[in-house]
Amino acid sequence: MRQFCEKWSLPNMARIVASVGDGHTRLGILDSKFGFRQYPIRLYLYRDGLFVQAATADYAQVVGARVIRIGGATAEQAFKTVSEITQRDNDSGLRHSVPQRLVVPEVLHALRLIDDMEKAPLVVEKQGRQFSVDLEPLDPKADVKWVHKDSFSRLFRWSSSPECSLRGVSRPLCK
């Protein structure tokens, strides 16, 4: 299947399937039968950008960081490119599914977002400082332990008052 992907056919087929606009009509490129790997990070799209939500211990320094670039593309460009081959019913489906595909070397390489699947450059910003790491794919048989950022705290907007509220919700949740 990797040879199929390398010939650029998989992205073209996935684009056709995604054009149906139905989240249940899919090629299933994340299924284990394809043999695709994953980079040692998990991404999540928040309102203010794409962030690293978890990583393996070797990449713990990027947990909680905002993604600036994946390979030669900005995070926004990469998200848009991968969204073109992602099944969805609506934008919510894209916000959930695209980050899962943005960490698959074979997908990024087939879409020409990265040149080398074994060493993908990732530029992130954390605490006002940008830095780069080279991502190496996980061994598919590895028992992965994830380092998580306290992602629950990102849901809340804290102010100087003791009130808290969910982002986008106008009434206080607690006082």
Protein backbone atom coordinates (compact mmCIF):
# COMPACT_ATOMS: atom_id res chain seq x y z
CA MET A 1 0.00 0.00 0.00
CA ARG A 2 2.91 2.37 0.63
CA GLN A 3 3.92 2.09 -3.02
CA PHE A 4 0.37 3.05 -3.95
CA CYS A 5 0.63 6.10 -1.72
CA GLU A 6 4.04 7.01 -3.11
CA LYS A 7 2.61 7.22 -6.60
CA TRP A 8 0.23 9.96 -5.42
CA SER A 9 -2.84 7.85 -6.17
CA LEU A 10 -4.00 7.52 -2.58
CA PRO A 11 -4.44 11.27 -2.05
CA ASN A 12 -6.31 11.55 -5.33
CA MET A 13 -8.65 8.68 -4.42
CA ALA A 14 -9.14 10.12 -0.91
CA ARG A 15 -9.93 13.53 -2.42
CA ILE A 16 -12.62 11.98 -4.62
CA VAL A 17 -14.14 10.07 -1.70
CA ALA A 18 -14.01 13.16 0.55
CA SER A 19 -15.80 15.22 -2.11
CA VAL A 20 -18.95 13.20 -1.37
CA GLY A 21 -19.25 15.32 1.80
CA ASP A 22 -20.36 12.44 3.99
CA GLY A 23 -18.40 11.55 7.11
CA HIS A 24 -19.35 7.89 6.76
CA THR A 25 -18.05 7.57 3.20
CA ARG A 26 -14.33 7.16 3.58
CA LEU A 27 -11.24 5.47 2.27
CA GLY A 28 -10.10 4.58 5.79
CA ILE A 29 -6.46 5.56 5.36
CA LEU A 30 -5.95 5.44 9.13
CA ASP A 31 -6.90 1.75 9.26
CA SER A 32 -4.05 -0.52 10.31
CA LYS A 33 -4.35 -2.51 7.07
CA PHE A 34 -2.67 0.37 5.23
CA GLY A 35 0.41 0.05 7.42
CA PHE A 36 0.86 3.78 7.84
CA ARG A 37 2.82 5.06 10.79
CA GLN A 38 2.38 7.99 13.14
CA TYR A 39 4.63 10.71 14.42
CA PRO A 40 5.06 10.84 18.22
CA ILE A 41 2.68 13.76 18.73
CA ARG A 42 -1.07 14.29 18.96
CA LEU A 43 -2.58 17.49 17.64
CA TYR A 44 -5.77 19.35 18.43
CA LEU A 45 -7.33 22.33 16.67
CA TYR A 46 -8.46 25.01 19.10
CA ARG A 47 -10.02 28.32 18.07
CA ASP A 48 -6.64 30.02 18.33
CA GLY A 49 -4.71 27.47 16.30
CA LEU A 50 -3.34 23.97 15.99
CA PHE A 51 -1.60 22.76 19.17
CA VAL A 52 0.40 19.75 20.30
CA GLN A 53 -1.88 18.11 22.86
CA ALA A 54 0.36 15.13 23.69
CA ALA A 55 3.70 13.63 22.73
CA THR A 56 6.04 10.84 23.70
CA ALA A 57 8.65 11.59 26.36
CA ASP A 58 11.29 12.29 23.69
CA TYR A 59 9.17 15.14 22.37
CA ALA A 60 7.68 16.36 25.67
CA GLN A 61 9.12 19.85 25.08
CA VAL A 62 6.52 20.49 22.35
CA VAL A 63 3.46 19.53 24.42
CA GLY A 64 1.24 22.59 24.76
CA ALA A 65 2.98 24.42 21.91
CA ARG A 66 1.22 26.02 18.96
CA VAL A 67 2.14 24.51 15.60
CA ILE A 68 3.61 27.10 13.21
CA ARG A 69 4.89 24.90 10.36
CA ILE A 70 4.73 21.27 9.32
CA GLY A 71 7.41 20.57 6.78
CA GLY A 72 7.41 23.39 4.25
CA ALA A 73 3.84 24.50 4.94
CA THR A 74 2.29 26.72 7.55
CA ALA A 75 -0.05 24.95 9.97
CA GLU A 76 -2.99 26.58 8.19
CA GLN A 77 -1.77 25.46 4.74
CA ALA A 78 -1.14 21.92 5.98
CA PHE A 79 -4.60 21.77 7.60
CA LYS A 80 -6.25 23.00 4.38
CA THR A 81 -4.31 20.53 2.21
CA VAL A 82 -5.13 17.55 4.41
CA SER A 83 -8.77 18.64 4.76
CA GLU A 84 -9.15 18.16 1.00
CA ILE A 85 -8.67 14.39 1.43
CA THR A 86 -10.61 14.04 4.68
CA GLN A 87 -14.19 12.79 4.87
CA ARG A 88 -16.60 14.99 6.78
CA ASP A 89 -20.18 15.92 7.35
CA ASN A 90 -19.30 19.45 8.48
CA ASP A 91 -16.47 21.63 9.84
CA SER A 92 -16.66 19.85 13.18
CA GLY A 93 -15.74 16.62 11.43
CA LEU A 94 -12.70 18.30 9.88
CA ARG A 95 -11.55 19.73 13.23
CA HIS A 96 -11.62 16.21 14.62
CA SER A 97 -10.22 14.23 11.68
CA VAL A 98 -7.58 16.44 10.06
CA PRO A 99 -5.26 16.56 13.12
CA GLN A 100 -5.22 12.74 13.12
CA ARG A 101 -3.96 12.73 9.54
CA LEU A 102 -1.45 15.54 10.09
CA VAL A 103 0.70 13.13 12.11
CA VAL A 104 0.83 10.37 9.48
CA PRO A 105 4.15 10.46 7.57
CA GLU A 106 2.78 8.70 4.50
CA VAL A 107 -0.11 11.16 4.18
CA LEU A 108 2.11 14.24 4.59
CA HIS A 109 4.64 12.88 2.11
CA ALA A 110 2.04 11.90 -0.49
CA LEU A 111 0.57 15.41 -0.27
CA ARG A 112 4.09 16.83 -0.68
CA LEU A 113 3.98 18.63 2.67
CA ILE A 114 7.21 16.92 3.75
CA ASP A 115 10.20 15.62 1.78
CA ASP A 116 11.46 12.95 4.17
CA MET A 117 9.04 10.74 6.08
CA GLU A 118 11.78 9.64 8.47
CA LYS A 119 12.60 13.20 9.57
CA ALA A 120 9.77 15.72 9.34
CA PRO A 121 10.47 19.27 10.51
CA LEU A 122 7.94 20.75 12.92
CA VAL A 123 8.14 24.39 14.02
CA VAL A 124 6.21 25.28 17.15
CA GLU A 125 5.80 28.28 19.43
CA LYS A 126 5.71 27.98 23.20
CA GLN A 127 5.82 30.78 25.73
CA GLY A 128 6.63 33.29 22.99
CA ARG A 129 9.60 31.32 21.64
CA GLN A 130 9.68 29.46 18.32
CA PHE A 131 11.75 26.32 17.92
CA SER A 132 11.99 23.36 15.60
CA VAL A 133 12.11 19.60 16.11
CA ASP A 134 12.51 16.80 13.61
CA LEU A 135 9.81 14.19 14.02
CA GLU A 136 10.66 10.53 13.53
CA PRO A 137 7.86 7.99 13.06
CA LEU A 138 6.91 5.72 15.92
CA ASP A 139 7.54 2.02 15.69
CA PRO A 140 4.04 0.63 15.03
CA LYS A 141 4.69 -2.13 17.57
CA ALA A 142 5.91 0.20 20.32
CA ASP A 143 4.00 0.54 23.58
CA VAL A 144 3.56 4.31 23.51
CA LYS A 145 3.32 6.37 26.70
CA TRP A 146 1.94 9.84 26.06
CA VAL A 147 2.88 13.02 27.91
CA HIS A 148 -0.22 15.23 28.05
CA LYS A 149 -0.71 18.93 28.54
CA ASP A 150 -3.49 19.82 30.93
CA SER A 151 -5.80 20.29 27.95
CA PHE A 152 -8.83 20.81 30.19
CA SER A 153 -7.43 24.17 31.29
CA ARG A 154 -7.43 25.37 27.65
CA LEU A 155 -11.22 25.18 27.70
CA PHE A 156 -11.42 27.86 30.33
CA ARG A 157 -10.75 31.55 30.05
CA TRP A 158 -9.52 32.77 33.42
CA SER A 159 -9.74 36.43 34.41
CA SER A 160 -8.75 38.43 37.46
CA SER A 161 -12.21 37.78 38.93
CA PRO A 162 -13.04 34.45 40.53
CA GLU A 163 -15.54 33.73 37.75
CA CYS A 164 -14.77 31.23 35.04
CA SER A 165 -16.48 30.54 31.77
CA LEU A 166 -16.14 28.25 28.80
CA ARG A 167 -14.70 29.97 25.77
CA GLY A 168 -17.55 31.28 23.69
CA VAL A 169 -20.10 30.99 26.52
CA SER A 170 -21.16 34.33 27.90
CA ARG A 171 -22.57 33.29 31.27
CA PRO A 172 -20.29 32.31 34.17
CA LEU A 173 -20.03 28.64 34.99
CA CYS A 174 -18.85 29.22 38.52
CA LYS A 175 -18.53 32.09 40.98
